[in-house]
């Protein structure tokens, strides 16, 4: 995993973002009541295998927990991440 990947929260666009080597990676979500529904995670092919999606999802999950929101993994990557890391989505 690339430790120097800066992740930013673009609240207006409802997504977490990381720009690496000029390429944008995103983890999108929707807010529904007390839930944070993760809808899409995209990392360009040039950047895959560098742990960028994981960094995006970790940042998003940390914020969801800090805000007391239930996590709903509508995105397959987020669902697999939660399963792999035995992370409780409540």
C-alpha atoms as a PDB file:
ATOM      1  CA  UNK A   1       0.000   0.000   0.000  1.00  0.00           C
ATOM      2  CA  UNK A   2       1.247   3.488  -0.861  1.00  0.00           C
ATOM      3  CA  UNK A   3       1.400   5.363   2.475  1.00  0.00           C
ATOM      4  CA  UNK A   4       1.685   8.777   0.820  1.00  0.00           C
ATOM      5  CA  UNK A   5      -1.709   8.754  -0.899  1.00  0.00           C
ATOM      6  CA  UNK A   6      -3.636  11.841   0.245  1.00  0.00           C
ATOM      7  CA  UNK A   7      -7.356  11.134   0.651  1.00  0.00           C
ATOM      8  CA  UNK A   8      -9.763  14.069   0.677  1.00  0.00           C
ATOM      9  CA  UNK A   9     -13.470  14.159   1.426  1.00  0.00           C
ATOM     10  CA  UNK A  10     -15.403  16.008  -1.263  1.00  0.00           C
ATOM     11  CA  UNK A  11     -18.645  16.347   0.705  1.00  0.00           C
ATOM     12  CA  UNK A  12     -20.352  18.390  -2.030  1.00  0.00           C
ATOM     13  CA  UNK A  13     -19.843  15.523  -4.521  1.00  0.00           C
ATOM     14  CA  UNK A  14     -20.520  12.805  -1.895  1.00  0.00           C
ATOM     15  CA  UNK A  15     -17.222  11.054  -2.449  1.00  0.00           C
ATOM     16  CA  UNK A  16     -13.734  10.459  -1.124  1.00  0.00           C
ATOM     17  CA  UNK A  17     -10.968  11.234  -3.582  1.00  0.00           C
ATOM     18  CA  UNK A  18      -7.286  10.538  -4.117  1.00  0.00           C
ATOM     19  CA  UNK A  19      -5.224  11.943  -6.976  1.00  0.00           C
ATOM     20  CA  UNK A  20      -2.091   9.934  -7.741  1.00  0.00           C
ATOM     21  CA  UNK A  21       0.123  10.493 -10.780  1.00  0.00           C
ATOM     22  CA  UNK A  22      -2.581  12.746 -12.234  1.00  0.00           C
ATOM     23  CA  UNK A  23      -5.291  10.053 -11.987  1.00  0.00           C
ATOM     24  CA  UNK A  24      -8.423  10.433  -9.839  1.00  0.00           C
ATOM     25  CA  UNK A  25      -9.651   7.530  -7.695  1.00  0.00           C
ATOM     26  CA  UNK A  26     -12.998   7.792  -5.921  1.00  0.00           C
ATOM     27  CA  UNK A  27     -15.249   6.133  -3.368  1.00  0.00           C
ATOM     28  CA  UNK A  28     -18.794   7.460  -3.772  1.00  0.00           C
ATOM     29  CA  UNK A  29     -21.585   7.364  -1.230  1.00  0.00           C
ATOM     30  CA  UNK A  30     -25.109   8.588  -0.559  1.00  0.00           C
ATOM     31  CA  UNK A  31     -26.524   9.672   2.777  1.00  0.00           C
ATOM     32  CA  UNK A  32     -29.906   8.239   3.697  1.00  0.00           C
ATOM     33  CA  UNK A  33     -31.088   9.082   7.181  1.00  0.00           C
ATOM     34  CA  UNK A  34     -28.512   7.687   9.579  1.00  0.00           C
ATOM     35  CA  UNK A  35     -26.922   5.563   6.860  1.00  0.00           C
ATOM     36  CA  UNK A  36     -23.916   6.032   4.602  1.00  0.00           C
ATOM     37  CA  UNK A  37     -24.573   3.968   1.476  1.00  0.00           C
ATOM     38  CA  UNK A  38     -21.380   3.234  -0.465  1.00  0.00           C
ATOM     39  CA  UNK A  39     -22.322   3.101  -4.142  1.00  0.00           C
ATOM     40  CA  UNK A  40     -19.152   3.006  -6.212  1.00  0.00           C
ATOM     41  CA  UNK A  41     -15.376   2.713  -5.865  1.00  0.00           C
ATOM     42  CA  UNK A  42     -13.195   3.406  -8.901  1.00  0.00           C
ATOM     43  CA  UNK A  43      -9.415   3.236  -9.263  1.00  0.00           C
ATOM     44  CA  UNK A  44      -7.954   3.716 -12.752  1.00  0.00           C
ATOM     45  CA  UNK A  45      -6.136   0.657 -14.157  1.00  0.00           C
ATOM     46  CA  UNK A  46      -2.807   2.523 -14.002  1.00  0.00           C
ATOM     47  CA  UNK A  47      -3.068   2.731 -10.215  1.00  0.00           C
ATOM     48  CA  UNK A  48      -4.458  -0.678  -9.284  1.00  0.00           C
ATOM     49  CA  UNK A  49      -2.532  -2.840  -6.847  1.00  0.00           C
ATOM     50  CA  UNK A  50      -1.275   0.136  -4.820  1.00  0.00           C
ATOM     51  CA  UNK A  51      -3.873  -0.006  -2.028  1.00  0.00           C
ATOM     52  CA  UNK A  52      -5.602   3.207  -3.071  1.00  0.00           C
ATOM     53  CA  UNK A  53      -9.145   1.802  -2.910  1.00  0.00           C
ATOM     54  CA  UNK A  54      -8.405   0.502   0.580  1.00  0.00           C
ATOM     55  CA  UNK A  55      -7.202   3.931   1.725  1.00  0.00           C
ATOM     56  CA  UNK A  56     -10.338   5.578   0.313  1.00  0.00           C
ATOM     57  CA  UNK A  57     -12.631   3.067   2.001  1.00  0.00           C
ATOM     58  CA  UNK A  58     -10.781   3.219   5.335  1.00  0.00           C
ATOM     59  CA  UNK A  59     -11.107   7.028   5.398  1.00  0.00           C
ATOM     60  CA  UNK A  60     -14.793   6.850   4.514  1.00  0.00           C
ATOM     61  CA  UNK A  61     -15.529   4.169   7.126  1.00  0.00           C
ATOM     62  CA  UNK A  62     -13.693   6.152   9.804  1.00  0.00           C
ATOM     63  CA  UNK A  63     -15.846   9.190   9.050  1.00  0.00           C
ATOM     64  CA  UNK A  64     -19.042   7.111   8.995  1.00  0.00           C
ATOM     65  CA  UNK A  65     -18.207   5.701  12.425  1.00  0.00           C
ATOM     66  CA  UNK A  66     -17.255   9.126  13.813  1.00  0.00           C
ATOM     67  CA  UNK A  67     -20.638  10.445  12.649  1.00  0.00           C
ATOM     68  CA  UNK A  68     -22.498   7.427  14.069  1.00  0.00           C
ATOM     69  CA  UNK A  69     -23.798   6.355  10.650  1.00  0.00           C
ATOM     70  CA  UNK A  70     -24.647   2.790   9.703  1.00  0.00           C
ATOM     71  CA  UNK A  71     -22.595   1.588   6.726  1.00  0.00           C
ATOM     72  CA  UNK A  72     -24.456   0.042   3.796  1.00  0.00           C
ATOM     73  CA  UNK A  73     -22.074  -1.574   1.275  1.00  0.00           C
ATOM     74  CA  UNK A  74     -23.955  -1.284  -2.052  1.00  0.00           C
ATOM     75  CA  UNK A  75     -20.527  -1.223  -3.736  1.00  0.00           C
ATOM     76  CA  UNK A  76     -19.021  -4.681  -4.240  1.00  0.00           C
ATOM     77  CA  UNK A  77     -15.527  -3.488  -3.257  1.00  0.00           C
ATOM     78  CA  UNK A  78     -16.762  -2.074   0.048  1.00  0.00           C
ATOM     79  CA  UNK A  79     -18.757  -5.251   0.734  1.00  0.00           C
ATOM     80  CA  UNK A  80     -15.676  -7.419   0.121  1.00  0.00           C
ATOM     81  CA  UNK A  81     -13.526  -5.065   2.202  1.00  0.00           C
ATOM     82  CA  UNK A  82     -15.905  -5.330   5.159  1.00  0.00           C
ATOM     83  CA  UNK A  83     -16.056  -9.106   4.802  1.00  0.00           C
ATOM     84  CA  UNK A  84     -12.256  -9.449   4.560  1.00  0.00           C
ATOM     85  CA  UNK A  85     -11.628  -7.265   7.573  1.00  0.00           C
ATOM     86  CA  UNK A  86     -14.527  -8.602   9.646  1.00  0.00           C
ATOM     87  CA  UNK A  87     -15.669  -5.034  10.097  1.00  0.00           C
ATOM     88  CA  UNK A  88     -19.075  -4.652  11.663  1.00  0.00           C
ATOM     89  CA  UNK A  89     -21.158  -2.412   9.417  1.00  0.00           C
ATOM     90  CA  UNK A  90     -23.359  -1.121  12.270  1.00  0.00           C
END
